[in-house]
């Protein structure tokens, strides 16, 4: 079996790391639901909900791990395709 070229692995990480970093930072569902319950119990609805602990927790994660734009994803995928072809993997 052929090993995957390191450049291909690196490019795939570049494409997918934002998602993995978000998922590992969100914490468990019960943690999130507890924060959400506390915010609702404190009367945080509408715009004021944006000051709540749940919203701030999720927003920080999303801000620290931004989703690539479609243009960036297209570029990454094109570069990945070029690496695969150059490595002779297909």
Protein backbone atom coordinates (compact mmCIF):
# COMPACT_ATOMS: atom_id res chain seq x y z
CA UNK A 1 0.00 0.00 0.00
CA UNK A 2 1.28 3.46 -0.91
CA UNK A 3 1.74 6.06 1.78
CA UNK A 4 0.02 9.38 1.33
CA UNK A 5 2.45 12.13 0.39
CA UNK A 6 3.07 14.50 3.36
CA UNK A 7 2.10 17.55 1.27
CA UNK A 8 -1.30 15.98 0.61
CA UNK A 9 -1.80 15.31 4.32
CA UNK A 10 -0.82 18.91 5.13
CA UNK A 11 -3.21 20.32 2.53
CA UNK A 12 -6.07 18.14 3.81
CA UNK A 13 -5.36 19.43 7.33
CA UNK A 14 -5.43 23.00 6.04
CA UNK A 15 -8.83 22.31 4.50
CA UNK A 16 -10.36 20.62 7.56
CA UNK A 17 -8.59 21.88 10.70
CA UNK A 18 -11.06 24.71 11.36
CA UNK A 19 -13.88 22.17 11.75
CA UNK A 20 -11.92 19.82 14.02
CA UNK A 21 -10.72 22.73 16.18
CA UNK A 22 -14.29 24.00 16.62
CA UNK A 23 -15.64 20.57 17.47
CA UNK A 24 -12.97 19.90 20.08
CA UNK A 25 -13.58 23.31 21.70
CA UNK A 26 -17.37 23.28 21.97
CA UNK A 27 -17.40 20.93 24.98
CA UNK A 28 -20.03 18.32 25.71
CA UNK A 29 -23.72 18.85 25.00
CA UNK A 30 -24.64 18.90 28.69
CA UNK A 31 -22.13 21.72 29.27
CA UNK A 32 -23.62 23.74 26.41
CA UNK A 33 -27.20 23.07 27.46
CA UNK A 34 -26.41 24.11 31.03
CA UNK A 35 -25.03 27.44 29.77
CA UNK A 36 -28.05 27.91 27.53
CA UNK A 37 -30.46 27.13 30.38
CA UNK A 38 -28.71 29.63 32.67
CA UNK A 39 -28.93 32.31 29.98
CA UNK A 40 -32.64 31.69 29.43
CA UNK A 41 -33.24 31.54 33.18
CA UNK A 42 -31.54 34.95 33.44
CA UNK A 43 -33.97 36.35 30.84
CA UNK A 44 -31.51 36.66 27.99
CA UNK A 45 -33.50 36.69 24.75
CA UNK A 46 -33.15 38.47 21.42
CA UNK A 47 -30.18 40.82 21.19
CA UNK A 48 -29.47 40.52 24.92
CA UNK A 49 -28.83 36.79 24.43
CA UNK A 50 -25.61 37.79 22.71
CA UNK A 51 -24.23 38.80 26.11
CA UNK A 52 -24.99 35.34 27.56
CA UNK A 53 -22.35 32.77 28.47
CA UNK A 54 -23.47 30.21 25.87
CA UNK A 55 -23.43 32.68 22.99
CA UNK A 56 -20.08 34.12 24.07
CA UNK A 57 -18.60 30.61 24.41
CA UNK A 58 -19.71 29.58 20.92
CA UNK A 59 -18.83 32.94 19.33
CA UNK A 60 -15.29 32.81 20.74
CA UNK A 61 -14.77 29.34 19.26
CA UNK A 62 -16.14 30.39 15.88
CA UNK A 63 -14.07 33.61 15.87
CA UNK A 64 -10.90 31.69 16.77
CA UNK A 65 -11.56 29.02 14.12
CA UNK A 66 -13.16 30.80 11.17
CA UNK A 67 -14.82 28.80 8.45
CA UNK A 68 -12.92 29.24 5.18
CA UNK A 69 -14.65 31.22 2.47
CA UNK A 70 -15.84 29.35 -0.60
CA UNK A 71 -13.00 31.00 -2.53
CA UNK A 72 -10.45 29.69 -0.01
CA UNK A 73 -11.98 26.20 -0.15
CA UNK A 74 -11.88 26.24 -3.94
CA UNK A 75 -8.21 27.25 -3.84
CA UNK A 76 -7.35 24.57 -1.26
CA UNK A 77 -9.16 21.91 -3.24
CA UNK A 78 -7.43 22.94 -6.45
CA UNK A 79 -4.05 22.83 -4.69
CA UNK A 80 -4.93 19.45 -3.21
CA UNK A 81 -5.87 18.13 -6.64
CA UNK A 82 -2.56 19.37 -8.05
CA UNK A 83 -0.65 17.67 -5.22
CA UNK A 84 -2.48 14.39 -5.79
CA UNK A 85 -1.73 14.48 -9.50
CA UNK A 86 1.92 15.43 -8.93
CA UNK A 87 2.38 12.61 -6.41
CA UNK A 88 1.03 10.04 -8.86
CA UNK A 89 -1.61 8.97 -6.36
CA UNK A 90 -4.27 8.82 -9.08
